[in-house]
Amino acid sequence: MSWHYQIRKRTITGKAFYDIVEMFDLPPGWTEESVGPYGETKDALLDDLARMRHDAEYYPVFEEFT
């Protein structure tokens, strides 16, 4: 399974909200809840945060309609 982080835009009752989700390629989909950086050490946490930022800048904003 391949995945990456991606910014999601959700519009609820006319108001936009942005968060970060994990996007999956096979099978296609995304996490329902937003995700935050995680690591078992400070360095691992910072690495995950850097990957989130990289992916957020690389991939377009995913718009989810509810």
C-alpha atoms as a PDB file:
ATOM      1  CA  MET A   1       0.000   0.000   0.000  1.00  0.00           C
ATOM      2  CA  SER A   2       1.290   3.436  -0.894  1.00  0.00           C
ATOM      3  CA  TRP A   3       0.252   6.573   0.955  1.00  0.00           C
ATOM      4  CA  HIS A   4       1.136  10.203   1.586  1.00  0.00           C
ATOM      5  CA  TYR A   5      -0.071  13.149   3.632  1.00  0.00           C
ATOM      6  CA  GLN A   6      -2.374  15.659   1.973  1.00  0.00           C
ATOM      7  CA  ILE A   7      -4.226  18.815   2.956  1.00  0.00           C
ATOM      8  CA  ARG A   8      -7.989  18.352   2.954  1.00  0.00           C
ATOM      9  CA  LYS A   9     -10.467  21.176   2.600  1.00  0.00           C
ATOM     10  CA  ARG A  10     -13.914  20.531   4.051  1.00  0.00           C
ATOM     11  CA  THR A  11     -16.838  22.891   3.719  1.00  0.00           C
ATOM     12  CA  ILE A  12     -19.488  22.552   6.400  1.00  0.00           C
ATOM     13  CA  THR A  13     -22.506  24.859   6.343  1.00  0.00           C
ATOM     14  CA  GLY A  14     -20.663  27.267   4.086  1.00  0.00           C
ATOM     15  CA  LYS A  15     -17.498  27.506   6.203  1.00  0.00           C
ATOM     16  CA  ALA A  16     -14.177  26.052   5.011  1.00  0.00           C
ATOM     17  CA  PHE A  17     -11.838  24.063   7.289  1.00  0.00           C
ATOM     18  CA  TYR A  18      -8.414  22.653   6.454  1.00  0.00           C
ATOM     19  CA  ASP A  19      -6.618  19.689   8.011  1.00  0.00           C
ATOM     20  CA  ILE A  20      -4.122  16.978   7.065  1.00  0.00           C
ATOM     21  CA  VAL A  21      -5.131  13.411   6.268  1.00  0.00           C
ATOM     22  CA  GLU A  22      -3.364  10.277   5.053  1.00  0.00           C
ATOM     23  CA  MET A  23      -4.239   9.534   1.411  1.00  0.00           C
ATOM     24  CA  PHE A  24      -3.998   5.946   0.161  1.00  0.00           C
ATOM     25  CA  ASP A  25      -3.380   4.855  -3.435  1.00  0.00           C
ATOM     26  CA  LEU A  26      -4.378   1.182  -3.369  1.00  0.00           C
ATOM     27  CA  PRO A  27      -7.113   0.906  -2.417  1.00  0.00           C
ATOM     28  CA  PRO A  28      -7.860   4.611  -2.922  1.00  0.00           C
ATOM     29  CA  GLY A  29      -9.126   6.495   0.120  1.00  0.00           C
ATOM     30  CA  TRP A  30      -8.195   8.686   3.054  1.00  0.00           C
ATOM     31  CA  THR A  31      -8.403   8.779   6.817  1.00  0.00           C
ATOM     32  CA  GLU A  32     -11.708  10.110   8.107  1.00  0.00           C
ATOM     33  CA  GLU A  33     -10.091  11.964  11.004  1.00  0.00           C
ATOM     34  CA  SER A  34      -7.241  14.404  10.587  1.00  0.00           C
ATOM     35  CA  VAL A  35      -3.772  13.261  11.652  1.00  0.00           C
ATOM     36  CA  GLY A  36      -0.921  14.903  13.515  1.00  0.00           C
ATOM     37  CA  PRO A  37       2.794  14.198  13.529  1.00  0.00           C
ATOM     38  CA  TYR A  38       3.970  11.204  15.551  1.00  0.00           C
ATOM     39  CA  GLY A  39       7.309   9.860  16.675  1.00  0.00           C
ATOM     40  CA  GLU A  40       8.808   7.704  19.384  1.00  0.00           C
ATOM     41  CA  THR A  41      11.631  10.230  19.751  1.00  0.00           C
ATOM     42  CA  LYS A  42      11.954  13.963  19.240  1.00  0.00           C
ATOM     43  CA  ASP A  43      13.916  13.381  16.015  1.00  0.00           C
ATOM     44  CA  ALA A  44      11.302  10.931  14.711  1.00  0.00           C
ATOM     45  CA  LEU A  45       8.562  13.445  15.472  1.00  0.00           C
ATOM     46  CA  LEU A  46      10.435  16.185  13.642  1.00  0.00           C
ATOM     47  CA  ASP A  47      11.030  13.845  10.665  1.00  0.00           C
ATOM     48  CA  ASP A  48       7.306  13.089  10.476  1.00  0.00           C
ATOM     49  CA  LEU A  49       6.479  16.785  10.706  1.00  0.00           C
ATOM     50  CA  ALA A  50       8.941  17.514   7.873  1.00  0.00           C
ATOM     51  CA  ARG A  51       7.324  14.804   5.724  1.00  0.00           C
ATOM     52  CA  MET A  52       3.891  16.293   6.419  1.00  0.00           C
ATOM     53  CA  ARG A  53       5.091  19.694   5.295  1.00  0.00           C
ATOM     54  CA  HIS A  54       6.793  18.286   2.190  1.00  0.00           C
ATOM     55  CA  ASP A  55       3.698  16.336   1.151  1.00  0.00           C
ATOM     56  CA  ALA A  56       1.395  19.296   1.941  1.00  0.00           C
ATOM     57  CA  GLU A  57       3.431  21.499  -0.394  1.00  0.00           C
ATOM     58  CA  TYR A  58       3.801  18.828  -3.117  1.00  0.00           C
ATOM     59  CA  TYR A  59       0.223  17.511  -3.448  1.00  0.00           C
ATOM     60  CA  PRO A  60      -2.757  19.701  -4.324  1.00  0.00           C
ATOM     61  CA  VAL A  61      -5.443  20.433  -1.758  1.00  0.00           C
ATOM     62  CA  PHE A  62      -8.032  17.634  -1.691  1.00  0.00           C
ATOM     63  CA  GLU A  63     -11.555  18.995  -1.430  1.00  0.00           C
ATOM     64  CA  GLU A  64     -14.024  16.790   0.394  1.00  0.00           C
ATOM     65  CA  PHE A  65     -17.669  17.616   0.041  1.00  0.00           C
ATOM     66  CA  THR A  66     -19.936  16.726   2.950  1.00  0.00           C
END
